[in-house]
Protein backbone atom coordinates (compact mmCIF):
# COMPACT_ATOMS: atom_id res chain seq x y z
CA UNK A 1 -0.06 -0.02 -0.01
CA UNK A 2 2.85 2.44 0.76
CA UNK A 3 4.61 1.52 -2.43
CA UNK A 4 1.48 2.18 -4.49
CA UNK A 5 0.82 5.43 -2.51
CA UNK A 6 4.39 6.73 -3.11
CA UNK A 7 4.15 6.05 -6.91
CA UNK A 8 0.69 7.73 -7.05
CA UNK A 9 1.45 10.84 -5.04
CA UNK A 10 4.72 11.57 -6.80
CA UNK A 11 2.93 11.42 -10.05
CA UNK A 12 0.05 13.51 -8.89
CA UNK A 13 2.61 16.24 -7.65
CA UNK A 14 4.69 16.10 -10.80
CA UNK A 15 7.75 14.62 -9.27
CA UNK A 16 9.79 12.25 -11.47
CA UNK A 17 11.01 9.24 -9.53
CA UNK A 18 14.39 7.75 -10.43
CA UNK A 19 14.81 5.30 -7.56
CA UNK A 20 12.72 4.12 -4.73
CA UNK A 21 12.68 1.51 -1.98
CA UNK A 22 9.76 0.91 0.38
CA UNK A 23 9.93 -1.14 3.62
CA UNK A 24 7.79 -2.01 6.59
CA UNK A 25 9.01 0.96 8.56
CA UNK A 26 10.67 3.45 6.19
CA UNK A 27 11.29 4.35 2.58
CA UNK A 28 13.78 6.04 0.34
CA UNK A 29 13.42 7.74 -2.99
CA UNK A 30 15.41 9.91 -5.41
CA UNK A 31 13.29 12.20 -7.52
CA UNK A 32 13.38 15.33 -9.58
CA UNK A 33 11.07 18.08 -8.50
CA UNK A 34 8.51 19.29 -11.05
CA UNK A 35 9.81 21.30 -13.94
CA UNK A 36 7.72 24.36 -12.92
CA UNK A 37 9.39 24.63 -9.55
CA UNK A 38 12.89 25.98 -8.97
CA UNK A 39 13.01 24.21 -5.60
CA UNK A 40 11.43 21.31 -3.88
CA UNK A 41 8.69 23.45 -2.54
CA UNK A 42 5.97 20.92 -2.97
CA UNK A 43 7.87 18.14 -1.26
CA UNK A 44 6.51 18.76 2.24
CA UNK A 45 2.92 18.98 0.90
CA UNK A 46 3.40 15.83 -1.22
CA UNK A 47 4.78 13.80 1.70
CA UNK A 48 2.17 15.23 3.98
CA UNK A 49 -0.46 13.73 1.72
CA UNK A 50 1.30 10.46 1.49
CA UNK A 51 1.74 10.17 5.26
CA UNK A 52 -1.90 11.23 5.90
CA UNK A 53 -3.37 8.71 3.55
CA UNK A 54 -1.17 5.77 4.57
CA UNK A 55 -1.30 6.67 8.27
CA UNK A 56 -5.13 6.68 8.20
CA UNK A 57 -5.13 3.34 6.50
CA UNK A 58 -2.77 1.86 9.00
CA UNK A 59 -4.69 3.26 11.97
CA UNK A 60 -7.90 1.72 10.56
CA UNK A 61 -6.08 -1.59 9.98
CA UNK A 62 -4.72 -1.66 13.50
CA UNK A 63 -7.95 -0.17 15.08
CA UNK A 64 -5.88 2.42 16.82
CA UNK A 65 -6.87 6.08 16.27
CA UNK A 66 -4.15 7.45 18.48
CA UNK A 67 -1.31 5.53 16.77
CA UNK A 68 1.40 7.80 15.37
CA UNK A 69 2.47 6.20 12.15
CA UNK A 70 4.92 8.74 10.59
CA UNK A 71 7.33 10.72 12.71
CA UNK A 72 9.40 12.77 10.28
CA UNK A 73 11.20 12.85 7.01
CA UNK A 74 14.71 13.90 5.98
CA UNK A 75 15.48 15.49 2.62
CA UNK A 76 18.71 16.02 0.82
CA UNK A 77 19.22 18.21 -2.16
CA UNK A 78 21.60 16.40 -4.52
CA UNK A 79 23.78 18.94 -6.28
CA UNK A 80 26.98 16.93 -7.13
CA UNK A 81 26.67 14.29 -9.84
CA UNK A 82 28.85 11.65 -8.00
CA UNK A 83 26.59 12.05 -4.91
CA UNK A 84 23.49 11.81 -7.03
CA UNK A 85 24.63 8.59 -8.85
CA UNK A 86 25.81 7.05 -5.61
CA UNK A 87 22.44 7.68 -3.96
CA UNK A 88 20.68 6.10 -6.99
CA UNK A 89 22.74 2.99 -6.35
CA UNK A 90 22.12 3.17 -2.57
CA UNK A 91 18.32 3.23 -3.07
CA UNK A 92 18.27 0.53 -5.65
CA UNK A 93 20.35 -1.73 -3.36
CA UNK A 94 18.73 -0.95 -0.08
CA UNK A 95 16.79 -4.19 0.23
CA UNK A 96 20.09 -6.08 -0.20
CA UNK A 97 21.66 -3.92 2.44
CA UNK A 98 18.70 -4.83 4.82
CA UNK A 99 19.23 -8.54 4.08
CA UNK A 100 15.85 -8.96 2.52
CA UNK A 101 16.99 -10.27 -0.84
CA UNK A 102 20.35 -11.32 -2.41
CA UNK A 103 19.79 -9.37 -5.63
CA UNK A 104 18.07 -5.98 -5.55
CA UNK A 105 15.82 -6.64 -8.60
CA UNK A 106 14.21 -9.53 -6.68
CA UNK A 107 12.58 -7.07 -4.18
CA UNK A 108 9.26 -6.14 -5.58
CA UNK A 109 8.89 -2.75 -3.73
CA UNK A 110 11.84 -1.01 -5.10
CA UNK A 111 12.94 0.36 -8.47
CA UNK A 112 15.96 -2.01 -9.14
CA UNK A 113 13.97 -4.26 -11.42
CA UNK A 114 12.41 -1.41 -13.25
CA UNK A 115 15.75 0.35 -13.65
CA UNK A 116 17.46 -2.80 -14.95
CA UNK A 117 14.59 -3.35 -17.55
CA UNK A 118 14.51 0.25 -18.82
CA UNK A 119 18.00 1.59 -18.67
CA UNK A 120 20.78 0.51 -20.92
CA UNK A 121 23.15 -2.21 -19.66
CA UNK A 122 26.01 0.28 -19.66
CA UNK A 123 23.94 2.70 -17.48
CA UNK A 124 23.03 0.00 -15.00
CA UNK A 125 26.69 -1.20 -14.74
CA UNK A 126 27.78 2.42 -14.30
CA UNK A 127 25.23 3.24 -11.49
CA UNK A 128 25.84 -0.06 -9.69
CA UNK A 129 29.63 0.58 -9.51
CA UNK A 130 29.14 3.76 -7.39
CA UNK A 131 30.31 3.29 -3.82
CA UNK A 132 27.71 4.06 -1.14
CA UNK A 133 29.62 3.45 2.11
CA UNK A 134 30.47 7.24 2.57
CA UNK A 135 26.96 8.60 1.85
CA UNK A 136 26.01 9.18 5.52
CA UNK A 137 22.40 8.10 5.09
CA UNK A 138 20.49 7.60 8.32
CA UNK A 139 19.14 4.06 7.69
CA UNK A 140 19.56 2.05 10.90
CA UNK A 141 16.17 0.54 10.64
CA UNK A 142 15.53 -3.11 11.30
CA UNK A 143 13.07 -4.25 8.68
CA UNK A 144 10.70 -7.14 9.58
CA UNK A 145 11.50 -9.90 7.25
CA UNK A 146 7.97 -11.43 7.47
CA UNK A 147 6.05 -8.28 6.19
């Protein structure tokens, strides 16, 4: 549900997704803001809608009106090409990093399979070569394997 919601709300707000990974307790994405915006001014509103819709659904599912589902979000403006390309790789490979799959394209709630099908082989190899160990992404979440 969160995966579908992320794809829908980014399209609705005119954001162009390039990489995404959705898990039981967090998600990552790399996207371009809408062409008619010089900044990411609609990001907060877009994520507010995503969090409101998915939060309501989870509260109803859990029958807990007082449950706080989403706590915050962090954004990073990617201005350097090497950092941007490394983040693409990081997001595509995140399910492997969390130990959910051995090969990123096997994880159905991320963009790795889509990326490998739609990008050229040379582009896939190029992106997957970028090192991600020095990115400093806060991603110390334990993902439930049975979700």
